[in-house]
Amino acid sequence: MKSRPEASGGHGSHTVQRDNKPALTNRISRIEGQVRGVRKMIAEDRYCIDVITQISAIQSALDALALQLMESHLAGCVQHAVHEGSGEVAIAEVIGVMRKLAR
């Protein structure tokens, strides 16, 4: 994944290699399946509460994905930025993203 400082306020543009890429890919594939399931439930006029329950599960799965990515970012990109002397910028970026996730 590439960081684009001009678009995101990021601290540098570089390619990030993730050891957990297969796990992230699998997780997002499951989420895509859940979303398709909700589409089908709506098309089949399923009970509203059941649909809402599935939407809640999707939101939880997306939150878990975001946290997994955040852990990877902290252990890789932020740690690297701290060692390179741009830790304050990287930490500010993380705090901004955390604020968005907390909404």
PDB file of N, CA and C in Angstrom:
ATOM      1  N   MET A   1       0.850  -1.161   0.000  1.00  0.00           N
ATOM      2  CA  MET A   1       0.000   0.000   0.000  1.00  0.00           C
ATOM      3  C   MET A   1       0.895   1.224   0.000  1.00  0.00           C
ATOM      4  N   LYS A   2       0.526   2.211  -0.788  1.00  0.00           N
ATOM      5  CA  LYS A   2       1.341   3.424  -0.855  1.00  0.00           C
ATOM      6  C   LYS A   2       0.681   4.552  -0.075  1.00  0.00           C
ATOM      7  N   SER A   3       1.495   5.287   0.581  1.00  0.00           N
ATOM      8  CA  SER A   3       1.058   6.456   1.315  1.00  0.00           C
ATOM      9  C   SER A   3       1.217   7.656   0.401  1.00  0.00           C
ATOM     10  N   ARG A   4       0.217   8.534   0.361  1.00  0.00           N
ATOM     11  CA  ARG A   4       0.300   9.722  -0.486  1.00  0.00           C
ATOM     12  C   ARG A   4       0.223  10.951   0.391  1.00  0.00           C
ATOM     13  N   PRO A   5       1.361  11.559   0.699  1.00  0.00           N
ATOM     14  CA  PRO A   5       1.354  12.701   1.605  1.00  0.00           C
ATOM     15  C   PRO A   5       0.495  13.849   1.128  1.00  0.00           C
ATOM     16  N   GLU A   6       0.437  14.090  -0.187  1.00  0.00           N
ATOM     17  CA  GLU A   6      -0.350  15.226  -0.676  1.00  0.00           C
ATOM     18  C   GLU A   6      -1.838  15.018  -0.463  1.00  0.00           C
ATOM     19  N   ALA A   7      -2.285  13.767  -0.407  1.00  0.00           N
ATOM     20  CA  ALA A   7      -3.713  13.490  -0.248  1.00  0.00           C
ATOM     21  C   ALA A   7      -4.083  13.239   1.200  1.00  0.00           C
ATOM     22  N   SER A   8      -3.176  12.659   1.971  1.00  0.00           N
ATOM     23  CA  SER A   8      -3.552  12.226   3.308  1.00  0.00           C
ATOM     24  C   SER A   8      -2.807  12.945   4.420  1.00  0.00           C
ATOM     25  N   GLY A   9      -1.898  13.806   4.071  1.00  0.00           N
ATOM     26  CA  GLY A   9      -1.104  14.441   5.108  1.00  0.00           C
ATOM     27  C   GLY A   9      -0.055  13.488   5.657  1.00  0.00           C
ATOM     28  N   GLY A  10       0.240  12.432   4.928  1.00  0.00           N
ATOM     29  CA  GLY A  10       1.160  11.396   5.379  1.00  0.00           C
ATOM     30  C   GLY A  10       2.575  11.900   5.541  1.00  0.00           C
ATOM     31  N   HIS A  11       3.382  11.091   6.204  1.00  0.00           N
ATOM     32  CA  HIS A  11       4.749  11.485   6.523  1.00  0.00           C
ATOM     33  C   HIS A  11       5.760  10.986   5.514  1.00  0.00           C
ATOM     34  N   GLY A  12       5.334  10.306   4.480  1.00  0.00           N
ATOM     35  CA  GLY A  12       6.279   9.863   3.468  1.00  0.00           C
ATOM     36  C   GLY A  12       5.604   8.939   2.487  1.00  0.00           C
ATOM     37  N   SER A  13       6.173   8.874   1.310  1.00  0.00           N
ATOM     38  CA  SER A  13       5.613   8.012   0.283  1.00  0.00           C
ATOM     39  C   SER A  13       6.519   6.811   0.125  1.00  0.00           C
ATOM     40  N   HIS A  14       5.981   5.634   0.427  1.00  0.00           N
ATOM     41  CA  HIS A  14       6.752   4.417   0.301  1.00  0.00           C
ATOM     42  C   HIS A  14       5.817   3.224   0.212  1.00  0.00           C
ATOM     43  N   THR A  15       6.342   2.127  -0.260  1.00  0.00           N
ATOM     44  CA  THR A  15       5.567   0.908  -0.344  1.00  0.00           C
ATOM     45  C   THR A  15       5.745   0.150   0.956  1.00  0.00           C
ATOM     46  N   VAL A  16       4.641  -0.363   1.474  1.00  0.00           N
ATOM     47  CA  VAL A  16       4.669  -1.095   2.732  1.00  0.00           C
ATOM     48  C   VAL A  16       4.460  -2.573   2.433  1.00  0.00           C
ATOM     49  N   GLN A  17       5.396  -3.390   2.859  1.00  0.00           N
ATOM     50  CA  GLN A  17       5.241  -4.834   2.739  1.00  0.00           C
ATOM     51  C   GLN A  17       4.690  -5.350   4.063  1.00  0.00           C
ATOM     52  N   ARG A  18       3.588  -6.054   3.994  1.00  0.00           N
ATOM     53  CA  ARG A  18       2.960  -6.564   5.205  1.00  0.00           C
ATOM     54  C   ARG A  18       3.107  -8.076   5.270  1.00  0.00           C
ATOM     55  N   ASP A  19       3.570  -8.569   6.406  1.00  0.00           N
ATOM     56  CA  ASP A  19       3.619 -10.004   6.611  1.00  0.00           C
ATOM     57  C   ASP A  19       2.214 -10.579   6.720  1.00  0.00           C
ATOM     58  N   ASN A  20       1.266  -9.743   7.137  1.00  0.00           N
ATOM     59  CA  ASN A  20      -0.089 -10.219   7.367  1.00  0.00           C
ATOM     60  C   ASN A  20      -1.026  -9.970   6.180  1.00  0.00           C
ATOM     61  N   LYS A  21      -0.470  -9.720   5.009  1.00  0.00           N
ATOM     62  CA  LYS A  21      -1.302  -9.432   3.842  1.00  0.00           C
ATOM     63  C   LYS A  21      -2.320 -10.541   3.559  1.00  0.00           C
ATOM     64  N   PRO A  22      -1.945 -11.832   3.615  1.00  0.00           N
ATOM     65  CA  PRO A  22      -2.956 -12.878   3.375  1.00  0.00           C
ATOM     66  C   PRO A  22      -4.106 -12.830   4.379  1.00  0.00           C
ATOM     67  N   ALA A  23      -3.800 -12.571   5.633  1.00  0.00           N
ATOM     68  CA  ALA A  23      -4.854 -12.488   6.649  1.00  0.00           C
ATOM     69  C   ALA A  23      -5.772 -11.298   6.385  1.00  0.00           C
ATOM     70  N   LEU A  24      -5.184 -10.162   5.996  1.00  0.00           N
ATOM     71  CA  LEU A  24      -5.985  -8.979   5.684  1.00  0.00           C
ATOM     72  C   LEU A  24      -6.871  -9.236   4.465  1.00  0.00           C
ATOM     73  N   THR A  25      -6.306  -9.882   3.460  1.00  0.00           N
ATOM     74  CA  THR A  25      -7.061 -10.194   2.242  1.00  0.00           C
ATOM     75  C   THR A  25      -8.215 -11.142   2.551  1.00  0.00           C
ATOM     76  N   ASN A  26      -7.955 -12.148   3.360  1.00  0.00           N
ATOM     77  CA  ASN A  26      -9.018 -13.084   3.743  1.00  0.00           C
ATOM     78  C   ASN A  26     -10.120 -12.383   4.525  1.00  0.00           C
ATOM     79  N   ARG A  27      -9.715 -11.508   5.429  1.00  0.00           N
ATOM     80  CA  ARG A  27     -10.703 -10.792   6.245  1.00  0.00           C
ATOM     81  C   ARG A  27     -11.595  -9.916   5.371  1.00  0.00           C
ATOM     82  N   ILE A  28     -11.010  -9.198   4.419  1.00  0.00           N
ATOM     83  CA  ILE A  28     -11.816  -8.323   3.567  1.00  0.00           C
ATOM     84  C   ILE A  28     -12.702  -9.143   2.637  1.00  0.00           C
ATOM     85  N   SER A  29     -12.240 -10.309   2.228  1.00  0.00           N
ATOM     86  CA  SER A  29     -13.085 -11.187   1.399  1.00  0.00           C
ATOM     87  C   SER A  29     -14.310 -11.650   2.177  1.00  0.00           C
ATOM     88  N   ARG A  30     -14.118 -11.966   3.449  1.00  0.00           N
ATOM     89  CA  ARG A  30     -15.269 -12.366   4.278  1.00  0.00           C
ATOM     90  C   ARG A  30     -16.250 -11.205   4.429  1.00  0.00           C
ATOM     91  N   ILE A  31     -15.721  -9.996   4.595  1.00  0.00           N
ATOM     92  CA  ILE A  31     -16.582  -8.816   4.722  1.00  0.00           C
ATOM     93  C   ILE A  31     -17.369  -8.606   3.432  1.00  0.00           C
ATOM     94  N   GLU A  32     -16.712  -8.754   2.294  1.00  0.00           N
ATOM     95  CA  GLU A  32     -17.409  -8.630   1.005  1.00  0.00           C
ATOM     96  C   GLU A  32     -18.549  -9.645   0.915  1.00  0.00           C
ATOM     97  N   GLY A  33     -18.296 -10.848   1.386  1.00  0.00           N
ATOM     98  CA  GLY A  33     -19.345 -11.872   1.393  1.00  0.00           C
ATOM     99  C   GLY A  33     -20.504 -11.483   2.288  1.00  0.00           C
ATOM    100  N   GLN A  34     -20.202 -10.896   3.438  1.00  0.00           N
ATOM    101  CA  GLN A  34     -21.259 -10.440   4.341  1.00  0.00           C
ATOM    102  C   GLN A  34     -22.101  -9.347   3.682  1.00  0.00           C
ATOM    103  N   VAL A  35     -21.457  -8.433   2.974  1.00  0.00           N
ATOM    104  CA  VAL A  35     -22.178  -7.346   2.305  1.00  0.00           C
ATOM    105  C   VAL A  35     -23.080  -7.920   1.214  1.00  0.00           C
ATOM    106  N   ARG A  36     -22.568  -8.868   0.452  1.00  0.00           N
ATOM    107  CA  ARG A  36     -23.405  -9.522  -0.567  1.00  0.00           C
ATOM    108  C   ARG A  36     -24.588 -10.230   0.089  1.00  0.00           C
ATOM    109  N   GLY A  37     -24.357 -10.808   1.257  1.00  0.00           N
ATOM    110  CA  GLY A  37     -25.432 -11.465   1.993  1.00  0.00           C
ATOM    111  C   GLY A  37     -26.524 -10.484   2.401  1.00  0.00           C
ATOM    112  N   VAL A  38     -26.126  -9.296   2.819  1.00  0.00           N
ATOM    113  CA  VAL A  38     -27.116  -8.275   3.191  1.00  0.00           C
ATOM    114  C   VAL A  38     -27.904  -7.845   1.959  1.00  0.00           C
ATOM    115  N   ARG A  39     -27.229  -7.689   0.835  1.00  0.00           N
ATOM    116  CA  ARG A  39     -27.931  -7.338  -0.404  1.00  0.00           C
ATOM    117  C   ARG A  39     -28.996  -8.391  -0.717  1.00  0.00           C
ATOM    118  N   LYS A  40     -28.626  -9.651  -0.577  1.00  0.00           N
ATOM    119  CA  LYS A  40     -29.562 -10.747  -0.843  1.00  0.00           C
ATOM    120  C   LYS A  40     -30.717 -10.729   0.159  1.00  0.00           C
ATOM    121  N   MET A  41     -30.412 -10.472   1.421  1.00  0.00           N
ATOM    122  CA  MET A  41     -31.458 -10.404   2.442  1.00  0.00           C
ATOM    123  C   MET A  41     -32.470  -9.310   2.118  1.00  0.00           C
ATOM    124  N   ILE A  42     -31.986  -8.167   1.668  1.00  0.00           N
ATOM    125  CA  ILE A  42     -32.877  -7.064   1.307  1.00  0.00           C
ATOM    126  C   ILE A  42     -33.717  -7.455   0.096  1.00  0.00           C
ATOM    127  N   ALA A  43     -33.072  -8.059  -0.903  1.00  0.00           N
ATOM    128  CA  ALA A  43     -33.795  -8.485  -2.110  1.00  0.00           C
ATOM    129  C   ALA A  43     -34.876  -9.510  -1.776  1.00  0.00           C
ATOM    130  N   GLU A  44     -34.639 -10.322  -0.760  1.00  0.00           N
ATOM    131  CA  GLU A  44     -35.595 -11.360  -0.348  1.00  0.00           C
ATOM    132  C   GLU A  44     -36.589 -10.875   0.693  1.00  0.00           C
ATOM    133  N   ASP A  45     -36.562  -9.567   0.981  1.00  0.00           N
ATOM    134  CA  ASP A  45     -37.469  -8.974   1.974  1.00  0.00           C
ATOM    135  C   ASP A  45     -37.382  -9.658   3.332  1.00  0.00           C
ATOM    136  N   ARG A  46     -36.162  -9.932   3.761  1.00  0.00           N
ATOM    137  CA  ARG A  46     -35.961 -10.567   5.061  1.00  0.00           C
ATOM    138  C   ARG A  46     -36.328  -9.602   6.178  1.00  0.00           C
ATOM    139  N   TYR A  47     -36.567 -10.144   7.336  1.00  0.00           N
ATOM    140  CA  TYR A  47     -36.954  -9.389   8.519  1.00  0.00           C
ATOM    141  C   TYR A  47     -35.908  -8.311   8.810  1.00  0.00           C
ATOM    142  N   CYS A  48     -36.384  -7.080   9.001  1.00  0.00           N
ATOM    143  CA  CYS A  48     -35.497  -5.915   9.155  1.00  0.00           C
ATOM    144  C   CYS A  48     -34.456  -6.109  10.253  1.00  0.00           C
ATOM    145  N   ILE A  49     -34.853  -6.644  11.378  1.00  0.00           N
ATOM    146  CA  ILE A  49     -33.930  -6.820  12.496  1.00  0.00           C
ATOM    147  C   ILE A  49     -32.799  -7.778  12.118  1.00  0.00           C
ATOM    148  N   ASP A  50     -33.112  -8.801  11.343  1.00  0.00           N
ATOM    149  CA  ASP A  50     -32.068  -9.723  10.885  1.00  0.00           C
ATOM    150  C   ASP A  50     -31.063  -9.004   9.980  1.00  0.00           C
ATOM    151  N   VAL A  51     -31.567  -8.134   9.105  1.00  0.00           N
ATOM    152  CA  VAL A  51     -30.685  -7.373   8.218  1.00  0.00           C
ATOM    153  C   VAL A  51     -29.815  -6.423   9.035  1.00  0.00           C
ATOM    154  N   ILE A  52     -30.418  -5.738   9.973  1.00  0.00           N
ATOM    155  CA  ILE A  52     -29.675  -4.797  10.824  1.00  0.00           C
ATOM    156  C   ILE A  52     -28.620  -5.534  11.642  1.00  0.00           C
ATOM    157  N   THR A  53     -28.943  -6.713  12.112  1.00  0.00           N
ATOM    158  CA  THR A  53     -27.981  -7.525  12.857  1.00  0.00           C
ATOM    159  C   THR A  53     -26.767  -7.858  11.989  1.00  0.00           C
ATOM    160  N   GLN A  54     -27.014  -8.189  10.731  1.00  0.00           N
ATOM    161  CA  GLN A  54     -25.904  -8.483   9.820  1.00  0.00           C
ATOM    162  C   GLN A  54     -25.085  -7.233   9.521  1.00  0.00           C
ATOM    163  N   ILE A  55     -25.745  -6.093   9.394  1.00  0.00           N
ATOM    164  CA  ILE A  55     -25.022  -4.829   9.176  1.00  0.00           C
ATOM    165  C   ILE A  55     -24.123  -4.534  10.372  1.00  0.00           C
ATOM    166  N   SER A  56     -24.626  -4.783  11.572  1.00  0.00           N
ATOM    167  CA  SER A  56     -23.820  -4.593  12.778  1.00  0.00           C
ATOM    168  C   SER A  56     -22.593  -5.507  12.766  1.00  0.00           C
ATOM    169  N   ALA A  57     -22.772  -6.738  12.309  1.00  0.00           N
ATOM    170  CA  ALA A  57     -21.644  -7.674  12.216  1.00  0.00           C
ATOM    171  C   ALA A  57     -20.607  -7.168  11.211  1.00  0.00           C
ATOM    172  N   ILE A  58     -21.076  -6.588  10.116  1.00  0.00           N
ATOM    173  CA  ILE A  58     -20.158  -6.025   9.108  1.00  0.00           C
ATOM    174  C   ILE A  58     -19.377  -4.860   9.710  1.00  0.00           C
ATOM    175  N   GLN A  59     -20.069  -3.993  10.435  1.00  0.00           N
ATOM    176  CA  GLN A  59     -19.379  -2.864  11.066  1.00  0.00           C
ATOM    177  C   GLN A  59     -18.308  -3.348  12.033  1.00  0.00           C
ATOM    178  N   SER A  60     -18.620  -4.377  12.804  1.00  0.00           N
ATOM    179  CA  SER A  60     -17.640  -4.934  13.735  1.00  0.00           C
ATOM    180  C   SER A  60     -16.449  -5.528  12.992  1.00  0.00           C
ATOM    181  N   ALA A  61     -16.729  -6.208  11.887  1.00  0.00           N
ATOM    182  CA  ALA A  61     -15.653  -6.800  11.087  1.00  0.00           C
ATOM    183  C   ALA A  61     -14.762  -5.717  10.486  1.00  0.00           C
ATOM    184  N   LEU A  62     -15.357  -4.622  10.032  1.00  0.00           N
ATOM    185  CA  LEU A  62     -14.568  -3.509   9.498  1.00  0.00           C
ATOM    186  C   LEU A  62     -13.717  -2.861  10.591  1.00  0.00           C
ATOM    187  N   ASP A  63     -14.278  -2.726  11.785  1.00  0.00           N
ATOM    188  CA  ASP A  63     -13.511  -2.181  12.908  1.00  0.00           C
ATOM    189  C   ASP A  63     -12.309  -3.073  13.226  1.00  0.00           C
ATOM    190  N   ALA A  64     -12.531  -4.385  13.226  1.00  0.00           N
ATOM    191  CA  ALA A  64     -11.440  -5.325  13.500  1.00  0.00           C
ATOM    192  C   ALA A  64     -10.363  -5.230  12.425  1.00  0.00           C
ATOM    193  N   LEU A  65     -10.774  -5.070  11.176  1.00  0.00           N
ATOM    194  CA  LEU A  65      -9.819  -4.908  10.077  1.00  0.00           C
ATOM    195  C   LEU A  65      -9.002  -3.623  10.269  1.00  0.00           C
ATOM    196  N   ALA A  66      -9.685  -2.548  10.612  1.00  0.00           N
ATOM    197  CA  ALA A  66      -8.995  -1.273  10.833  1.00  0.00           C
ATOM    198  C   ALA A  66      -7.987  -1.395  11.974  1.00  0.00           C
ATOM    199  N   LEU A  67      -8.354  -2.072  13.046  1.00  0.00           N
ATOM    200  CA  LEU A  67      -7.434  -2.247  14.166  1.00  0.00           C
ATOM    201  C   LEU A  67      -6.225  -3.098  13.773  1.00  0.00           C
ATOM    202  N   GLN A  68      -6.470  -4.130  12.983  1.00  0.00           N
ATOM    203  CA  GLN A  68      -5.374  -4.965  12.515  1.00  0.00           C
ATOM    204  C   GLN A  68      -4.405  -4.145  11.658  1.00  0.00           C
ATOM    205  N   LEU A  69      -4.955  -3.312  10.783  1.00  0.00           N
ATOM    206  CA  LEU A  69      -4.109  -2.434   9.963  1.00  0.00           C
ATOM    207  C   LEU A  69      -3.373  -1.409  10.828  1.00  0.00           C
ATOM    208  N   MET A  70      -4.049  -0.889  11.846  1.00  0.00           N
ATOM    209  CA  MET A  70      -3.423   0.091  12.734  1.00  0.00           C
ATOM    210  C   MET A  70      -2.248  -0.542  13.476  1.00  0.00           C
ATOM    211  N   GLU A  71      -2.426  -1.767  13.956  1.00  0.00           N
ATOM    212  CA  GLU A  71      -1.331  -2.460  14.636  1.00  0.00           C
ATOM    213  C   GLU A  71      -0.135  -2.615  13.701  1.00  0.00           C
ATOM    214  N   SER A  72      -0.403  -2.994  12.479  1.00  0.00           N
ATOM    215  CA  SER A  72       0.656  -3.156  11.483  1.00  0.00           C
ATOM    216  C   SER A  72       1.340  -1.821  11.213  1.00  0.00           C
ATOM    217  N   HIS A  73       0.551  -0.780  11.102  1.00  0.00           N
ATOM    218  CA  HIS A  73       1.094   0.553  10.839  1.00  0.00           C
ATOM    219  C   HIS A  73       1.977   1.030  11.993  1.00  0.00           C
ATOM    220  N   LEU A  74       1.508   0.819  13.214  1.00  0.00           N
ATOM    221  CA  LEU A  74       2.291   1.245  14.374  1.00  0.00           C
ATOM    222  C   LEU A  74       3.612   0.480  14.477  1.00  0.00           C
ATOM    223  N   ALA A  75       3.539  -0.824  14.256  1.00  0.00           N
ATOM    224  CA  ALA A  75       4.734  -1.658  14.378  1.00  0.00           C
ATOM    225  C   ALA A  75       5.715  -1.448  13.227  1.00  0.00           C
ATOM    226  N   GLY A  76       5.222  -0.990  12.096  1.00  0.00           N
ATOM    227  CA  GLY A  76       6.090  -0.809  10.937  1.00  0.00           C
ATOM    228  C   GLY A  76       6.361   0.645  10.636  1.00  0.00           C
ATOM    229  N   CYS A  77       5.397   1.294  10.037  1.00  0.00           N
ATOM    230  CA  CYS A  77       5.574   2.670   9.547  1.00  0.00           C
ATOM    231  C   CYS A  77       5.898   3.668  10.653  1.00  0.00           C
ATOM    232  N   VAL A  78       5.141   3.620  11.741  1.00  0.00           N
ATOM    233  CA  VAL A  78       5.360   4.604  12.812  1.00  0.00           C
ATOM    234  C   VAL A  78       6.694   4.348  13.500  1.00  0.00           C
ATOM    235  N   GLN A  79       6.984   3.086  13.757  1.00  0.00           N
ATOM    236  CA  GLN A  79       8.266   2.761  14.377  1.00  0.00           C
ATOM    237  C   GLN A  79       9.426   3.240  13.494  1.00  0.00           C
ATOM    238  N   HIS A  80       9.309   3.031  12.198  1.00  0.00           N
ATOM    239  CA  HIS A  80      10.333   3.497  11.254  1.00  0.00           C
ATOM    240  C   HIS A  80      10.447   5.028  11.291  1.00  0.00           C
ATOM    241  N   ALA A  81       9.302   5.702  11.299  1.00  0.00           N
ATOM    242  CA  ALA A  81       9.312   7.167  11.327  1.00  0.00           C
ATOM    243  C   ALA A  81       9.975   7.690  12.595  1.00  0.00           C
ATOM    244  N   VAL A  82       9.726   7.044  13.723  1.00  0.00           N
ATOM    245  CA  VAL A  82      10.357   7.462  14.977  1.00  0.00           C
ATOM    246  C   VAL A  82      11.871   7.335  14.869  1.00  0.00           C
ATOM    247  N   HIS A  83      12.331   6.212  14.331  1.00  0.00           N
ATOM    248  CA  HIS A  83      13.778   6.005  14.173  1.00  0.00           C
ATOM    249  C   HIS A  83      14.397   6.992  13.189  1.00  0.00           C
ATOM    250  N   GLU A  84      13.608   7.447  12.206  1.00  0.00           N
ATOM    251  CA  GLU A  84      14.116   8.378  11.200  1.00  0.00           C
ATOM    252  C   GLU A  84      13.980   9.838  11.622  1.00  0.00           C
ATOM    253  N   GLY A  85      13.357  10.075  12.778  1.00  0.00           N
ATOM    254  CA  GLY A  85      13.233  11.435  13.280  1.00  0.00           C
ATOM    255  C   GLY A  85      11.946  12.155  12.923  1.00  0.00           C
ATOM    256  N   SER A  86      11.007  11.460  12.288  1.00  0.00           N
ATOM    257  CA  SER A  86       9.726  12.104  11.945  1.00  0.00           C
ATOM    258  C   SER A  86       8.574  11.457  12.708  1.00  0.00           C
ATOM    259  N   GLY A  87       8.857  11.022  13.914  1.00  0.00           N
ATOM    260  CA  GLY A  87       7.860  10.356  14.743  1.00  0.00           C
ATOM    261  C   GLY A  87       6.681  11.227  15.117  1.00  0.00           C
ATOM    262  N   GLU A  88       6.938  12.517  15.372  1.00  0.00           N
ATOM    263  CA  GLU A  88       5.842  13.406  15.777  1.00  0.00           C
ATOM    264  C   GLU A  88       4.782  13.494  14.691  1.00  0.00           C
ATOM    265  N   VAL A  89       5.198  13.587  13.450  1.00  0.00           N
ATOM    266  CA  VAL A  89       4.259  13.671  12.327  1.00  0.00           C
ATOM    267  C   VAL A  89       3.482  12.362  12.199  1.00  0.00           C
ATOM    268  N   ALA A  90       4.184  11.245  12.303  1.00  0.00           N
ATOM    269  CA  ALA A  90       3.544   9.935  12.179  1.00  0.00           C
ATOM    270  C   ALA A  90       2.540   9.711  13.298  1.00  0.00           C
ATOM    271  N   ILE A  91       2.892  10.104  14.507  1.00  0.00           N
ATOM    272  CA  ILE A  91       1.986   9.936  15.649  1.00  0.00           C
ATOM    273  C   ILE A  91       0.772  10.835  15.493  1.00  0.00           C
ATOM    274  N   ALA A  92       0.962  12.056  15.035  1.00  0.00           N
ATOM    275  CA  ALA A  92      -0.171  12.961  14.803  1.00  0.00           C
ATOM    276  C   ALA A  92      -1.117  12.378  13.755  1.00  0.00           C
ATOM    277  N   GLU A  93      -0.545  11.762  12.728  1.00  0.00           N
ATOM    278  CA  GLU A  93      -1.360  11.134  11.688  1.00  0.00           C
ATOM    279  C   GLU A  93      -2.200  10.000  12.279  1.00  0.00           C
ATOM    280  N   VAL A  94      -1.597   9.180  13.122  1.00  0.00           N
ATOM    281  CA  VAL A  94      -2.313   8.074  13.764  1.00  0.00           C
ATOM    282  C   VAL A  94      -3.425   8.607  14.664  1.00  0.00           C
ATOM    283  N   ILE A  95      -3.140   9.633  15.418  1.00  0.00           N
ATOM    284  CA  ILE A  95      -4.155  10.210  16.293  1.00  0.00           C
ATOM    285  C   ILE A  95      -5.337  10.723  15.482  1.00  0.00           C
ATOM    286  N   GLY A  96      -5.067  11.360  14.354  1.00  0.00           N
ATOM    287  CA  GLY A  96      -6.147  11.838  13.481  1.00  0.00           C
ATOM    288  C   GLY A  96      -7.011  10.705  12.966  1.00  0.00           C
ATOM    289  N   VAL A  97      -6.383   9.616  12.576  1.00  0.00           N
ATOM    290  CA  VAL A  97      -7.145   8.450  12.093  1.00  0.00           C
ATOM    291  C   VAL A  97      -7.941   7.825  13.243  1.00  0.00           C
ATOM    292  N   MET A  98      -7.341   7.753  14.417  1.00  0.00           N
ATOM    293  CA  MET A  98      -8.057   7.188  15.573  1.00  0.00           C
ATOM    294  C   MET A  98      -9.305   8.019  15.892  1.00  0.00           C
ATOM    295  N   ARG A  99      -9.188   9.314  15.754  1.00  0.00           N
ATOM    296  CA  ARG A  99     -10.358  10.181  16.010  1.00  0.00           C
ATOM    297  C   ARG A  99     -11.479   9.864  15.021  1.00  0.00           C
ATOM    298  N   LYS A 100     -11.111   9.639  13.756  1.00  0.00           N
ATOM    299  CA  LYS A 100     -12.120   9.285  12.742  1.00  0.00           C
ATOM    300  C   LYS A 100     -12.762   7.940  13.064  1.00  0.00           C
ATOM    301  N   LEU A 101     -11.955   6.984  13.515  1.00  0.00           N
ATOM    302  CA  LEU A 101     -12.480   5.658  13.827  1.00  0.00           C
ATOM    303  C   LEU A 101     -13.401   5.699  15.057  1.00  0.00           C
ATOM    304  N   ALA A 102     -13.155   6.623  15.946  1.00  0.00           N
ATOM    305  CA  ALA A 102     -13.932   6.693  17.184  1.00  0.00           C
ATOM    306  C   ALA A 102     -15.303   7.336  17.002  1.00  0.00           C
ATOM    307  N   ARG A 103     -15.553   7.908  15.846  1.00  0.00           N
ATOM    308  CA  ARG A 103     -16.853   8.570  15.602  1.00  0.00           C
ATOM    309  C   ARG A 103     -17.963   7.590  15.521  1.00  0.00           C
TER     310      ARG A 103
END
